[in-house]
Amino acid sequence: MSSFTVSEIKHLKLFYNGLTCDVCIEVGNDLGVISPNSTDGLKLTQGMLRNLKAKGLIAAKNTYIFSVEYKRFTISELGIKTIEEFNDEHSK
């Protein structure tokens, strides 16, 4: 398994447990605002989303909420595989 920071693993576990987040990508007052469905106390930043996406652990797709365009981030297949391997390694 590749090297991940403790923070990346914590955030990836949130996505594994159902976290999704929307980031407004339409010019306006909410441009760049991150709207997670839950964070369990962790601060979710654009930098963390960038890092997880760059490593292929989360995926994004466009969505519209009240005619405003957002990117919706969810865990990817690689992210699922990675967190399951991490859990297996650390359950022994």
C-alpha atoms as a PDB file:
ATOM      1  CA  MET A   1       0.000   0.000   0.000  1.00  0.00           C
ATOM      2  CA  SER A   2       1.239   3.504  -0.809  1.00  0.00           C
ATOM      3  CA  SER A   3       2.183   5.988   1.845  1.00  0.00           C
ATOM      4  CA  PHE A   4      -0.675   8.059   3.220  1.00  0.00           C
ATOM      5  CA  THR A   5      -0.775  10.598   6.014  1.00  0.00           C
ATOM      6  CA  VAL A   6      -2.801   9.948   9.153  1.00  0.00           C
ATOM      7  CA  SER A   7      -5.112  12.778   8.129  1.00  0.00           C
ATOM      8  CA  GLU A   8      -5.673  11.302   4.654  1.00  0.00           C
ATOM      9  CA  ILE A   9      -6.608   7.942   6.183  1.00  0.00           C
ATOM     10  CA  LYS A  10      -9.010   9.606   8.639  1.00  0.00           C
ATOM     11  CA  HIS A  11     -10.702  11.513   5.830  1.00  0.00           C
ATOM     12  CA  LEU A  12     -10.784   8.465   3.565  1.00  0.00           C
ATOM     13  CA  LYS A  13     -12.501   6.502   6.355  1.00  0.00           C
ATOM     14  CA  LEU A  14     -15.206   9.190   6.444  1.00  0.00           C
ATOM     15  CA  PHE A  15     -15.765   8.801   2.704  1.00  0.00           C
ATOM     16  CA  TYR A  16     -15.795   5.004   3.148  1.00  0.00           C
ATOM     17  CA  ASN A  17     -18.503   5.406   5.790  1.00  0.00           C
ATOM     18  CA  GLY A  18     -20.728   7.410   3.444  1.00  0.00           C
ATOM     19  CA  LEU A  19     -19.366  10.953   3.403  1.00  0.00           C
ATOM     20  CA  THR A  20     -20.085  12.921   0.271  1.00  0.00           C
ATOM     21  CA  CYS A  21     -19.340  16.567  -0.213  1.00  0.00           C
ATOM     22  CA  ASP A  22     -20.353  19.155  -2.743  1.00  0.00           C
ATOM     23  CA  VAL A  23     -18.088  22.006  -3.809  1.00  0.00           C
ATOM     24  CA  CYS A  24     -19.697  24.954  -5.586  1.00  0.00           C
ATOM     25  CA  ILE A  25     -17.991  25.558  -8.934  1.00  0.00           C
ATOM     26  CA  GLU A  26     -20.281  28.286 -10.252  1.00  0.00           C
ATOM     27  CA  VAL A  27     -19.265  31.927 -10.008  1.00  0.00           C
ATOM     28  CA  GLY A  28     -21.165  33.541  -7.162  1.00  0.00           C
ATOM     29  CA  ASN A  29     -21.140  34.000  -3.409  1.00  0.00           C
ATOM     30  CA  ASP A  30     -20.678  30.263  -2.760  1.00  0.00           C
ATOM     31  CA  LEU A  31     -17.813  29.623  -5.226  1.00  0.00           C
ATOM     32  CA  GLY A  32     -15.445  27.128  -3.584  1.00  0.00           C
ATOM     33  CA  VAL A  33     -17.680  26.483  -0.574  1.00  0.00           C
ATOM     34  CA  ILE A  34     -17.471  22.860   0.621  1.00  0.00           C
ATOM     35  CA  SER A  35     -20.772  21.359   1.783  1.00  0.00           C
ATOM     36  CA  PRO A  36     -20.239  17.906   3.348  1.00  0.00           C
ATOM     37  CA  ASN A  37     -23.167  15.725   4.417  1.00  0.00           C
ATOM     38  CA  SER A  38     -21.228  15.094   7.681  1.00  0.00           C
ATOM     39  CA  THR A  39     -17.672  15.564   8.958  1.00  0.00           C
ATOM     40  CA  ASP A  40     -17.622  13.894  12.378  1.00  0.00           C
ATOM     41  CA  GLY A  41     -15.506  16.759  13.698  1.00  0.00           C
ATOM     42  CA  LEU A  42     -12.796  16.707  11.008  1.00  0.00           C
ATOM     43  CA  LYS A  43     -12.175  19.850   9.000  1.00  0.00           C
ATOM     44  CA  LEU A  44     -12.542  19.127   5.299  1.00  0.00           C
ATOM     45  CA  THR A  45     -10.429  21.476   3.162  1.00  0.00           C
ATOM     46  CA  GLN A  46      -9.928  22.006  -0.546  1.00  0.00           C
ATOM     47  CA  GLY A  47      -6.325  20.874  -0.053  1.00  0.00           C
ATOM     48  CA  MET A  48      -7.427  17.547   1.419  1.00  0.00           C
ATOM     49  CA  LEU A  49      -9.934  17.010  -1.402  1.00  0.00           C
ATOM     50  CA  ARG A  50      -7.182  17.832  -3.919  1.00  0.00           C
ATOM     51  CA  ASN A  51      -4.758  15.353  -2.314  1.00  0.00           C
ATOM     52  CA  LEU A  52      -7.292  12.517  -2.128  1.00  0.00           C
ATOM     53  CA  LYS A  53      -8.446  13.134  -5.707  1.00  0.00           C
ATOM     54  CA  ALA A  54      -4.855  13.356  -7.018  1.00  0.00           C
ATOM     55  CA  LYS A  55      -4.161   9.928  -5.482  1.00  0.00           C
ATOM     56  CA  GLY A  56      -7.326   8.519  -7.072  1.00  0.00           C
ATOM     57  CA  LEU A  57      -8.977   7.813  -3.706  1.00  0.00           C
ATOM     58  CA  ILE A  58     -12.060   9.955  -4.343  1.00  0.00           C
ATOM     59  CA  ALA A  59     -13.905  10.797  -7.539  1.00  0.00           C
ATOM     60  CA  ALA A  60     -15.913  13.831  -8.599  1.00  0.00           C
ATOM     61  CA  LYS A  61     -18.899  14.311 -10.824  1.00  0.00           C
ATOM     62  CA  ASN A  62     -20.912  17.378 -11.714  1.00  0.00           C
ATOM     63  CA  THR A  63     -24.296  17.855 -10.115  1.00  0.00           C
ATOM     64  CA  TYR A  64     -26.821  20.669  -9.871  1.00  0.00           C
ATOM     65  CA  ILE A  65     -28.584  21.855  -6.744  1.00  0.00           C
ATOM     66  CA  PHE A  66     -31.236  24.524  -7.303  1.00  0.00           C
ATOM     67  CA  SER A  67     -29.680  25.211 -10.743  1.00  0.00           C
ATOM     68  CA  VAL A  68     -26.228  25.880  -9.213  1.00  0.00           C
ATOM     69  CA  GLU A  69     -23.368  23.663 -10.417  1.00  0.00           C
ATOM     70  CA  TYR A  70     -21.345  21.653  -7.900  1.00  0.00           C
ATOM     71  CA  LYS A  71     -18.709  18.935  -7.947  1.00  0.00           C
ATOM     72  CA  ARG A  72     -19.833  16.008  -5.788  1.00  0.00           C
ATOM     73  CA  PHE A  73     -16.974  14.015  -4.260  1.00  0.00           C
ATOM     74  CA  THR A  74     -17.416  10.371  -3.245  1.00  0.00           C
ATOM     75  CA  ILE A  75     -15.022   7.513  -2.557  1.00  0.00           C
ATOM     76  CA  SER A  76     -13.604   5.774  -5.637  1.00  0.00           C
ATOM     77  CA  GLU A  77     -13.072   2.052  -6.212  1.00  0.00           C
ATOM     78  CA  LEU A  78      -9.371   2.574  -5.454  1.00  0.00           C
ATOM     79  CA  GLY A  79     -10.326   4.397  -2.247  1.00  0.00           C
ATOM     80  CA  ILE A  80     -12.534   1.491  -1.163  1.00  0.00           C
ATOM     81  CA  LYS A  81      -9.786  -1.016  -1.912  1.00  0.00           C
ATOM     82  CA  THR A  82      -7.191   1.114  -0.107  1.00  0.00           C
ATOM     83  CA  ILE A  83      -9.214   1.553   3.090  1.00  0.00           C
ATOM     84  CA  GLU A  84     -10.157  -2.143   3.164  1.00  0.00           C
ATOM     85  CA  GLU A  85      -6.466  -3.093   2.825  1.00  0.00           C
ATOM     86  CA  PHE A  86      -5.598  -0.585   5.554  1.00  0.00           C
ATOM     87  CA  ASN A  87      -8.272  -2.048   7.842  1.00  0.00           C
ATOM     88  CA  ASP A  88      -7.015  -5.602   7.167  1.00  0.00           C
ATOM     89  CA  GLU A  89      -3.416  -4.642   7.926  1.00  0.00           C
ATOM     90  CA  HIS A  90      -4.345  -2.893  11.162  1.00  0.00           C
ATOM     91  CA  SER A  91      -6.848  -5.461  12.463  1.00  0.00           C
ATOM     92  CA  LYS A  92      -4.169  -8.101  13.107  1.00  0.00           C
END
